[in-house]
N, C-alpha and C. Protein backbone atom coordinates (compact mmCIF):
# COMPACT_ATOMS: atom_id res chain seq x y z
N MET A 1 -149.06 180.08 40.33
CA MET A 1 -148.74 178.77 40.86
C MET A 1 -149.99 177.89 40.79
N SER A 2 -149.85 176.73 40.23
CA SER A 2 -151.01 175.85 40.10
C SER A 2 -150.97 174.75 41.16
N TYR A 3 -152.14 174.41 41.60
CA TYR A 3 -152.32 173.32 42.55
C TYR A 3 -153.78 172.92 42.49
N TYR A 4 -154.08 171.80 43.11
CA TYR A 4 -155.47 171.43 43.22
C TYR A 4 -155.84 171.19 44.67
N ILE A 5 -157.12 171.37 44.92
CA ILE A 5 -157.70 171.21 46.25
C ILE A 5 -158.74 170.11 46.15
N VAL A 6 -158.76 169.24 47.14
CA VAL A 6 -159.81 168.24 47.24
C VAL A 6 -160.61 168.56 48.50
N LEU A 7 -161.91 168.76 48.33
CA LEU A 7 -162.81 168.95 49.47
C LEU A 7 -163.65 167.69 49.58
N SER A 8 -163.42 166.94 50.63
CA SER A 8 -164.17 165.72 50.87
C SER A 8 -164.90 165.86 52.20
N GLY A 9 -165.75 164.91 52.48
CA GLY A 9 -166.49 164.92 53.74
C GLY A 9 -167.86 164.33 53.55
N THR A 10 -168.59 164.26 54.62
CA THR A 10 -169.93 163.68 54.57
C THR A 10 -170.89 164.59 53.82
N LEU A 11 -171.99 164.01 53.43
CA LEU A 11 -173.08 164.78 52.84
C LEU A 11 -173.47 165.88 53.83
N GLY A 12 -173.60 167.09 53.36
CA GLY A 12 -174.03 168.18 54.23
C GLY A 12 -172.93 168.80 55.07
N SER A 13 -171.68 168.44 54.80
CA SER A 13 -170.58 169.01 55.59
C SER A 13 -170.14 170.37 55.08
N GLY A 14 -170.58 170.74 53.89
CA GLY A 14 -170.26 172.06 53.34
C GLY A 14 -169.31 172.05 52.15
N LYS A 15 -169.07 170.87 51.58
CA LYS A 15 -168.11 170.75 50.47
C LYS A 15 -168.47 171.64 49.29
N SER A 16 -169.66 171.48 48.78
CA SER A 16 -170.06 172.22 47.58
C SER A 16 -170.17 173.71 47.84
N THR A 17 -170.72 174.07 48.99
CA THR A 17 -170.83 175.48 49.33
C THR A 17 -169.45 176.13 49.39
N CYS A 18 -168.52 175.45 50.04
CA CYS A 18 -167.14 175.97 50.13
C CYS A 18 -166.48 176.00 48.75
N ALA A 19 -166.67 174.94 47.98
CA ALA A 19 -166.05 174.87 46.65
C ALA A 19 -166.51 176.03 45.78
N LYS A 20 -167.80 176.30 45.78
CA LYS A 20 -168.34 177.39 44.96
C LYS A 20 -167.77 178.74 45.38
N ARG A 21 -167.63 178.96 46.68
CA ARG A 21 -167.06 180.22 47.16
C ARG A 21 -165.58 180.32 46.83
N LEU A 22 -164.86 179.21 47.00
CA LEU A 22 -163.43 179.22 46.70
C LEU A 22 -163.16 179.45 45.22
N VAL A 23 -164.04 178.95 44.36
CA VAL A 23 -163.91 179.19 42.92
C VAL A 23 -163.86 180.69 42.66
N LYS A 24 -164.76 181.42 43.29
CA LYS A 24 -164.79 182.88 43.11
C LYS A 24 -163.58 183.54 43.75
N ASP A 25 -163.30 183.17 44.99
CA ASP A 25 -162.23 183.83 45.74
C ASP A 25 -160.84 183.56 45.15
N LEU A 26 -160.63 182.37 44.60
CA LEU A 26 -159.30 181.99 44.10
C LEU A 26 -159.20 182.00 42.58
N ASN A 27 -160.29 182.41 41.92
CA ASN A 27 -160.36 182.35 40.45
C ASN A 27 -159.99 180.94 39.97
N ALA A 28 -160.66 179.97 40.55
CA ALA A 28 -160.35 178.56 40.30
C ALA A 28 -161.42 177.91 39.43
N GLU A 29 -161.14 176.69 39.04
CA GLU A 29 -162.10 175.85 38.32
C GLU A 29 -162.58 174.77 39.28
N ARG A 30 -163.86 174.42 39.18
CA ARG A 30 -164.44 173.42 40.07
C ARG A 30 -164.78 172.16 39.30
N ILE A 31 -164.42 171.01 39.87
CA ILE A 31 -164.81 169.72 39.33
C ILE A 31 -165.76 169.10 40.35
N ASP A 32 -167.02 169.00 39.99
CA ASP A 32 -168.05 168.41 40.85
C ASP A 32 -168.08 166.92 40.56
N LEU A 33 -167.44 166.13 41.42
CA LEU A 33 -167.33 164.69 41.18
C LEU A 33 -168.69 164.01 41.12
N ASP A 34 -169.62 164.46 41.95
CA ASP A 34 -170.96 163.86 41.92
C ASP A 34 -171.62 164.08 40.55
N ALA A 35 -171.46 165.27 40.00
CA ALA A 35 -172.04 165.56 38.68
C ALA A 35 -171.36 164.74 37.59
N VAL A 36 -170.04 164.60 37.67
CA VAL A 36 -169.30 163.80 36.68
C VAL A 36 -169.81 162.36 36.71
N LEU A 37 -169.97 161.81 37.90
CA LEU A 37 -170.46 160.44 38.02
C LEU A 37 -171.88 160.32 37.46
N LYS A 38 -172.73 161.27 37.79
CA LYS A 38 -174.11 161.22 37.31
C LYS A 38 -174.19 161.36 35.79
N GLU A 39 -173.48 162.34 35.24
CA GLU A 39 -173.51 162.58 33.80
C GLU A 39 -173.00 161.39 32.99
N ASN A 40 -172.15 160.59 33.60
CA ASN A 40 -171.56 159.44 32.91
C ASN A 40 -172.14 158.11 33.39
N LYS A 41 -173.28 158.20 34.07
CA LYS A 41 -174.00 157.02 34.55
C LYS A 41 -173.11 156.10 35.40
N LEU A 42 -172.29 156.72 36.23
CA LEU A 42 -171.40 155.99 37.13
C LEU A 42 -171.83 156.15 38.59
N ASP A 43 -173.00 156.72 38.79
CA ASP A 43 -173.42 157.05 40.15
C ASP A 43 -174.28 155.98 40.82
N HIS A 44 -174.27 154.77 40.28
CA HIS A 44 -175.06 153.72 40.92
C HIS A 44 -174.28 153.16 42.11
N TYR A 45 -175.05 152.73 43.08
CA TYR A 45 -174.48 152.29 44.36
C TYR A 45 -174.14 150.81 44.35
N ALA A 46 -173.22 150.46 45.23
CA ALA A 46 -172.94 149.04 45.47
C ALA A 46 -174.21 148.42 46.04
N SER A 47 -174.40 147.14 45.82
CA SER A 47 -175.61 146.49 46.33
C SER A 47 -175.68 146.62 47.85
N ASN A 48 -176.89 146.90 48.33
CA ASN A 48 -177.16 147.06 49.76
C ASN A 48 -176.33 148.17 50.41
N SER A 49 -176.08 149.25 49.68
CA SER A 49 -175.25 150.32 50.22
C SER A 49 -175.61 151.65 49.56
N ALA A 50 -175.34 152.73 50.27
CA ALA A 50 -175.47 154.07 49.70
C ALA A 50 -174.12 154.56 49.19
N CYS A 51 -173.24 153.62 48.96
CA CYS A 51 -171.85 153.92 48.59
C CYS A 51 -171.62 153.62 47.11
N ILE A 52 -171.09 154.58 46.40
CA ILE A 52 -170.73 154.38 45.00
C ILE A 52 -169.43 153.59 44.96
N LEU A 53 -169.36 152.64 44.06
CA LEU A 53 -168.18 151.77 43.95
C LEU A 53 -166.92 152.57 43.65
N ALA A 54 -165.80 152.16 44.24
CA ALA A 54 -164.51 152.82 44.01
C ALA A 54 -164.17 152.80 42.52
N GLU A 55 -164.44 151.70 41.84
CA GLU A 55 -164.10 151.61 40.42
C GLU A 55 -164.87 152.64 39.60
N ASN A 56 -166.08 152.99 40.02
CA ASN A 56 -166.84 154.01 39.31
C ASN A 56 -166.25 155.40 39.54
N PHE A 57 -165.81 155.66 40.77
CA PHE A 57 -165.13 156.92 41.04
C PHE A 57 -163.87 157.04 40.18
N ILE A 58 -163.13 155.95 40.09
CA ILE A 58 -161.89 155.97 39.31
C ILE A 58 -162.19 156.19 37.83
N LYS A 59 -163.25 155.59 37.32
CA LYS A 59 -163.66 155.85 35.93
C LYS A 59 -164.01 157.33 35.75
N GLY A 60 -164.68 157.90 36.74
CA GLY A 60 -165.00 159.32 36.69
C GLY A 60 -163.75 160.18 36.70
N LEU A 61 -162.79 159.80 37.54
CA LEU A 61 -161.52 160.54 37.57
C LEU A 61 -160.79 160.44 36.25
N ASP A 62 -160.84 159.27 35.62
CA ASP A 62 -160.19 159.11 34.32
C ASP A 62 -160.76 160.07 33.28
N ILE A 63 -162.01 160.45 33.45
CA ILE A 63 -162.64 161.41 32.54
C ILE A 63 -162.11 162.82 32.79
N VAL A 64 -161.93 163.19 34.06
CA VAL A 64 -161.58 164.58 34.38
C VAL A 64 -160.09 164.84 34.56
N ILE A 65 -159.30 163.82 34.79
CA ILE A 65 -157.86 164.04 35.00
C ILE A 65 -157.19 164.71 33.80
N PRO A 66 -157.43 164.29 32.55
CA PRO A 66 -156.79 164.99 31.42
C PRO A 66 -157.16 166.47 31.35
N ILE A 67 -158.41 166.79 31.61
CA ILE A 67 -158.87 168.19 31.61
C ILE A 67 -158.17 168.95 32.73
N THR A 68 -158.10 168.31 33.89
CA THR A 68 -157.47 168.94 35.05
C THR A 68 -155.99 169.21 34.79
N LYS A 69 -155.30 168.27 34.18
CA LYS A 69 -153.87 168.47 33.87
C LYS A 69 -153.68 169.68 32.98
N GLU A 70 -154.54 169.83 31.98
CA GLU A 70 -154.43 170.99 31.09
C GLU A 70 -154.66 172.30 31.85
N LEU A 71 -155.64 172.32 32.73
CA LEU A 71 -155.89 173.52 33.53
C LEU A 71 -154.70 173.84 34.43
N LEU A 72 -154.16 172.82 35.08
CA LEU A 72 -153.03 173.03 35.98
C LEU A 72 -151.79 173.49 35.22
N LYS A 73 -151.59 172.98 34.01
CA LYS A 73 -150.45 173.42 33.19
C LYS A 73 -150.58 174.89 32.80
N LYS A 74 -151.82 175.39 32.80
CA LYS A 74 -152.07 176.81 32.49
C LYS A 74 -152.11 177.65 33.76
N ASP A 75 -151.58 177.11 34.84
CA ASP A 75 -151.52 177.79 36.14
C ASP A 75 -152.89 178.11 36.74
N LYS A 76 -153.87 177.28 36.46
CA LYS A 76 -155.17 177.42 37.09
C LYS A 76 -155.18 176.60 38.38
N ILE A 77 -155.98 177.02 39.31
CA ILE A 77 -156.25 176.25 40.52
C ILE A 77 -157.50 175.42 40.24
N VAL A 78 -157.49 174.17 40.63
CA VAL A 78 -158.63 173.28 40.40
C VAL A 78 -159.12 172.77 41.75
N ILE A 79 -160.44 172.79 41.93
CA ILE A 79 -161.05 172.32 43.17
C ILE A 79 -161.93 171.12 42.87
N PHE A 80 -161.61 170.00 43.49
CA PHE A 80 -162.43 168.80 43.41
C PHE A 80 -163.38 168.80 44.59
N ASP A 81 -164.65 168.60 44.29
CA ASP A 81 -165.70 168.64 45.30
C ASP A 81 -166.45 167.32 45.22
N GLY A 82 -166.42 166.54 46.30
CA GLY A 82 -167.16 165.29 46.27
C GLY A 82 -167.01 164.49 47.54
N CYS A 83 -167.94 163.61 47.74
CA CYS A 83 -167.94 162.72 48.89
C CYS A 83 -167.10 161.49 48.51
N ILE A 84 -165.84 161.51 48.87
CA ILE A 84 -164.95 160.41 48.51
C ILE A 84 -165.07 159.32 49.57
N TYR A 85 -165.66 158.21 49.18
CA TYR A 85 -165.92 157.12 50.11
C TYR A 85 -164.68 156.27 50.38
N HIS A 86 -163.78 156.21 49.42
CA HIS A 86 -162.69 155.23 49.46
C HIS A 86 -161.34 155.93 49.38
N LYS A 87 -160.41 155.55 50.26
CA LYS A 87 -159.06 156.12 50.23
C LYS A 87 -158.37 155.80 48.91
N GLU A 88 -158.65 154.63 48.35
CA GLU A 88 -158.00 154.25 47.09
C GLU A 88 -158.34 155.23 45.96
N VAL A 89 -159.50 155.86 46.03
CA VAL A 89 -159.89 156.85 45.03
C VAL A 89 -159.01 158.09 45.17
N LEU A 90 -158.83 158.55 46.39
CA LEU A 90 -157.95 159.69 46.64
C LEU A 90 -156.52 159.36 46.23
N ASP A 91 -156.05 158.19 46.60
CA ASP A 91 -154.69 157.77 46.22
C ASP A 91 -154.53 157.74 44.70
N TYR A 92 -155.55 157.28 43.99
CA TYR A 92 -155.52 157.24 42.52
C TYR A 92 -155.40 158.65 41.95
N LEU A 93 -156.18 159.55 42.49
CA LEU A 93 -156.14 160.94 42.02
C LEU A 93 -154.75 161.53 42.22
N ILE A 94 -154.19 161.36 43.40
CA ILE A 94 -152.88 161.92 43.71
C ILE A 94 -151.79 161.30 42.84
N LYS A 95 -151.88 160.00 42.63
CA LYS A 95 -150.89 159.30 41.80
C LYS A 95 -150.92 159.81 40.36
N ASN A 96 -152.11 160.16 39.87
CA ASN A 96 -152.26 160.54 38.48
C ASN A 96 -152.25 162.05 38.24
N LEU A 97 -152.23 162.83 39.30
CA LEU A 97 -152.11 164.29 39.19
C LEU A 97 -150.91 164.71 40.02
N THR A 98 -149.76 164.75 39.41
CA THR A 98 -148.53 165.01 40.15
C THR A 98 -148.24 166.50 40.24
N PHE A 99 -149.20 167.21 40.78
CA PHE A 99 -149.09 168.64 41.05
C PHE A 99 -149.26 168.82 42.56
N ASP A 100 -148.93 169.99 43.06
CA ASP A 100 -149.17 170.25 44.48
C ASP A 100 -150.65 170.07 44.77
N SER A 101 -150.94 169.55 45.95
CA SER A 101 -152.34 169.32 46.31
C SER A 101 -152.57 169.66 47.78
N TYR A 102 -153.80 170.05 48.03
CA TYR A 102 -154.28 170.33 49.38
C TYR A 102 -155.55 169.51 49.55
N ILE A 103 -155.55 168.65 50.55
CA ILE A 103 -156.69 167.77 50.78
C ILE A 103 -157.34 168.19 52.09
N PHE A 104 -158.65 168.41 52.04
CA PHE A 104 -159.41 168.79 53.22
C PHE A 104 -160.58 167.83 53.39
N THR A 105 -160.81 167.41 54.62
CA THR A 105 -162.02 166.66 54.95
C THR A 105 -162.84 167.54 55.87
N LEU A 106 -164.04 167.87 55.42
CA LEU A 106 -164.94 168.70 56.21
C LEU A 106 -165.79 167.80 57.09
N LYS A 107 -165.93 168.18 58.35
CA LYS A 107 -166.62 167.36 59.34
C LYS A 107 -167.80 168.13 59.92
N ALA A 108 -168.87 167.41 60.20
CA ALA A 108 -170.03 167.95 60.92
C ALA A 108 -170.76 166.77 61.55
N SER A 109 -171.59 167.05 62.54
CA SER A 109 -172.33 165.97 63.20
C SER A 109 -173.40 165.41 62.27
N LEU A 110 -173.86 164.22 62.59
CA LEU A 110 -174.93 163.60 61.81
C LEU A 110 -176.16 164.50 61.79
N ASN A 111 -176.56 165.03 62.93
CA ASN A 111 -177.75 165.89 62.98
C ASN A 111 -177.60 167.13 62.11
N THR A 112 -176.42 167.72 62.13
CA THR A 112 -176.17 168.89 61.28
C THR A 112 -176.25 168.51 59.80
N CYS A 113 -175.66 167.38 59.44
CA CYS A 113 -175.69 166.93 58.04
C CYS A 113 -177.12 166.67 57.58
N ILE A 114 -177.91 166.04 58.43
CA ILE A 114 -179.31 165.77 58.09
C ILE A 114 -180.07 167.08 57.94
N GLN A 115 -179.86 168.02 58.85
CA GLN A 115 -180.56 169.30 58.77
C GLN A 115 -180.16 170.07 57.51
N ARG A 116 -178.88 170.06 57.19
CA ARG A 116 -178.42 170.75 55.98
C ARG A 116 -179.02 170.10 54.73
N ASP A 117 -179.14 168.78 54.74
CA ASP A 117 -179.77 168.09 53.61
C ASP A 117 -181.23 168.52 53.49
N LYS A 118 -181.93 168.62 54.60
CA LYS A 118 -183.35 169.04 54.58
C LYS A 118 -183.50 170.45 54.02
N ASP A 119 -182.49 171.29 54.23
CA ASP A 119 -182.55 172.68 53.78
C ASP A 119 -182.24 172.85 52.30
N ARG A 120 -181.86 171.78 51.62
CA ARG A 120 -181.51 171.84 50.20
C ARG A 120 -182.74 171.78 49.31
N LYS A 121 -182.54 172.23 48.07
CA LYS A 121 -183.60 172.08 47.07
C LYS A 121 -183.79 170.61 46.72
N ARG A 122 -182.67 169.89 46.55
CA ARG A 122 -182.72 168.46 46.21
C ARG A 122 -182.21 167.65 47.40
N THR A 123 -183.12 167.23 48.23
CA THR A 123 -182.75 166.46 49.41
C THR A 123 -182.67 164.98 49.06
N ILE A 124 -181.80 164.26 49.76
CA ILE A 124 -181.74 162.81 49.52
C ILE A 124 -182.47 162.04 50.61
N GLY A 125 -182.84 162.71 51.67
CA GLY A 125 -183.60 162.07 52.73
C GLY A 125 -182.75 161.64 53.91
N GLU A 126 -183.40 161.59 55.05
CA GLU A 126 -182.70 161.31 56.30
C GLU A 126 -182.03 159.94 56.33
N GLY A 127 -182.72 158.92 55.82
CA GLY A 127 -182.17 157.57 55.84
C GLY A 127 -180.88 157.44 55.04
N VAL A 128 -180.90 157.96 53.82
CA VAL A 128 -179.71 157.89 52.97
C VAL A 128 -178.62 158.80 53.55
N ALA A 129 -179.00 159.96 54.04
CA ALA A 129 -178.02 160.87 54.64
C ALA A 129 -177.30 160.19 55.80
N GLU A 130 -178.05 159.47 56.61
CA GLU A 130 -177.44 158.76 57.75
C GLU A 130 -176.53 157.63 57.27
N GLU A 131 -176.96 156.92 56.24
CA GLU A 131 -176.14 155.82 55.72
C GLU A 131 -174.83 156.35 55.14
N VAL A 132 -174.91 157.41 54.36
CA VAL A 132 -173.69 158.01 53.79
C VAL A 132 -172.79 158.52 54.91
N TYR A 133 -173.39 159.17 55.88
CA TYR A 133 -172.62 159.68 57.02
C TYR A 133 -171.84 158.54 57.69
N ASN A 134 -172.53 157.45 57.96
CA ASN A 134 -171.89 156.31 58.63
C ASN A 134 -170.77 155.70 57.79
N LEU A 135 -170.91 155.78 56.48
CA LEU A 135 -169.87 155.25 55.59
C LEU A 135 -168.60 156.09 55.59
N VAL A 136 -168.76 157.40 55.69
CA VAL A 136 -167.59 158.27 55.49
C VAL A 136 -167.18 159.09 56.70
N CYS A 137 -167.90 159.00 57.80
CA CYS A 137 -167.58 159.87 58.94
C CYS A 137 -166.20 159.61 59.53
N ASN A 138 -165.65 158.43 59.31
CA ASN A 138 -164.31 158.13 59.84
C ASN A 138 -163.20 158.35 58.82
N ASN A 139 -163.54 158.84 57.64
CA ASN A 139 -162.52 159.20 56.65
C ASN A 139 -161.87 160.50 57.10
N ASN A 140 -160.59 160.44 57.32
CA ASN A 140 -159.86 161.61 57.79
C ASN A 140 -158.70 161.89 56.84
N PHE A 141 -159.04 162.33 55.64
CA PHE A 141 -158.05 162.59 54.61
C PHE A 141 -157.51 164.01 54.75
N GLY A 142 -156.20 164.15 54.78
CA GLY A 142 -155.61 165.48 54.77
C GLY A 142 -155.91 166.28 56.01
N ILE A 143 -156.24 167.54 55.81
CA ILE A 143 -156.50 168.47 56.90
C ILE A 143 -157.98 168.39 57.26
N LEU A 144 -158.25 168.18 58.54
CA LEU A 144 -159.63 168.07 59.01
C LEU A 144 -160.13 169.45 59.43
N ILE A 145 -161.35 169.77 58.96
CA ILE A 145 -161.97 171.04 59.32
C ILE A 145 -163.36 170.75 59.85
N ASP A 146 -163.59 171.14 61.09
CA ASP A 146 -164.89 170.95 61.72
C ASP A 146 -165.80 172.12 61.32
N THR A 147 -166.83 171.82 60.54
CA THR A 147 -167.75 172.87 60.08
C THR A 147 -168.95 173.02 61.02
N GLN A 148 -168.98 172.22 62.05
CA GLN A 148 -170.07 172.24 63.03
C GLN A 148 -170.13 173.62 63.68
N GLY A 149 -171.21 174.33 63.50
CA GLY A 149 -171.38 175.63 64.13
C GLY A 149 -170.54 176.74 63.51
N GLU A 150 -169.83 176.44 62.43
CA GLU A 150 -169.00 177.44 61.76
C GLU A 150 -169.81 178.08 60.63
N SER A 151 -169.58 179.35 60.43
CA SER A 151 -170.17 180.00 59.26
C SER A 151 -169.37 179.60 58.03
N ILE A 152 -169.94 179.80 56.87
CA ILE A 152 -169.22 179.51 55.63
C ILE A 152 -167.95 180.36 55.57
N GLU A 153 -168.03 181.61 56.02
CA GLU A 153 -166.87 182.49 56.00
C GLU A 153 -165.75 181.95 56.89
N GLU A 154 -166.11 181.43 58.07
CA GLU A 154 -165.09 180.88 58.97
C GLU A 154 -164.43 179.65 58.36
N THR A 155 -165.23 178.81 57.72
CA THR A 155 -164.68 177.61 57.09
C THR A 155 -163.77 177.98 55.93
N ILE A 156 -164.21 178.92 55.10
CA ILE A 156 -163.39 179.38 53.97
C ILE A 156 -162.08 179.99 54.48
N ASP A 157 -162.16 180.79 55.53
CA ASP A 157 -160.94 181.38 56.10
C ASP A 157 -159.98 180.31 56.58
N GLU A 158 -160.50 179.26 57.21
CA GLU A 158 -159.63 178.18 57.68
C GLU A 158 -158.95 177.47 56.51
N ILE A 159 -159.71 177.24 55.45
CA ILE A 159 -159.12 176.61 54.26
C ILE A 159 -158.04 177.52 53.68
N LYS A 160 -158.34 178.79 53.52
CA LYS A 160 -157.37 179.73 52.94
C LYS A 160 -156.12 179.86 53.81
N ASN A 161 -156.29 179.85 55.12
CA ASN A 161 -155.12 179.92 56.01
C ASN A 161 -154.22 178.71 55.82
N ASN A 162 -154.81 177.55 55.60
CA ASN A 162 -154.01 176.35 55.34
C ASN A 162 -153.32 176.44 53.98
N LEU A 163 -153.96 177.06 53.01
CA LEU A 163 -153.31 177.26 51.71
C LEU A 163 -152.12 178.20 51.85
N LYS A 164 -152.30 179.27 52.61
CA LYS A 164 -151.22 180.25 52.81
C LYS A 164 -150.03 179.63 53.54
N SER A 165 -150.32 178.75 54.49
CA SER A 165 -149.22 178.15 55.26
C SER A 165 -148.59 176.97 54.53
N LYS A 166 -149.10 176.72 53.32
CA LYS A 166 -148.55 175.69 52.44
C LYS A 166 -148.58 174.29 53.07
N ASN A 167 -149.69 173.99 53.72
CA ASN A 167 -149.89 172.65 54.30
C ASN A 167 -150.29 171.68 53.21
N LYS A 168 -149.34 171.39 52.32
CA LYS A 168 -149.63 170.50 51.19
C LYS A 168 -149.83 169.08 51.68
N TYR A 169 -150.58 168.34 50.89
CA TYR A 169 -150.86 166.94 51.23
C TYR A 169 -149.65 166.09 50.90
N LYS A 170 -149.31 165.23 51.81
CA LYS A 170 -148.24 164.26 51.58
C LYS A 170 -148.85 162.88 51.64
N SER A 171 -148.80 162.19 50.53
CA SER A 171 -149.39 160.86 50.43
C SER A 171 -148.61 159.89 51.31
N THR A 172 -149.36 158.97 51.94
CA THR A 172 -148.71 157.97 52.80
C THR A 172 -148.57 156.65 52.11
């Protein structure tokens, strides 16, 4: 059975860590939206903001949607990993990928997100981390998972339990 998963949330909420683990556990393919944007020079921010323009995200999705459709037609599971700033980007993805989907927003406190960023090899810095957090902390797409104080295993288990219970995303 093919479906796709979207892991969204603030910087440092655990999206990429969870996506990488789920790829192994579910024998899935991962689409790193941040990497797609960077590789295609679409990762520049709106003026006076740490937010990438919605139109750039949509251009990035236009690059990966055909590949994703082929994977899904072959009964692969696909995991999208990225900080989705705009609901219109998620709506665009769902409209153009008419397969079952599971949408998760991972949540953590600002201090946790900043600390997790500091613990990375490639940190973006406290100021940008706070700005990104403030931009997306109120995005509540799909199923909300609080990663605050949770181990990666606990977060993965919560995601998998939602997959088992077939809590598919229903677009509004």
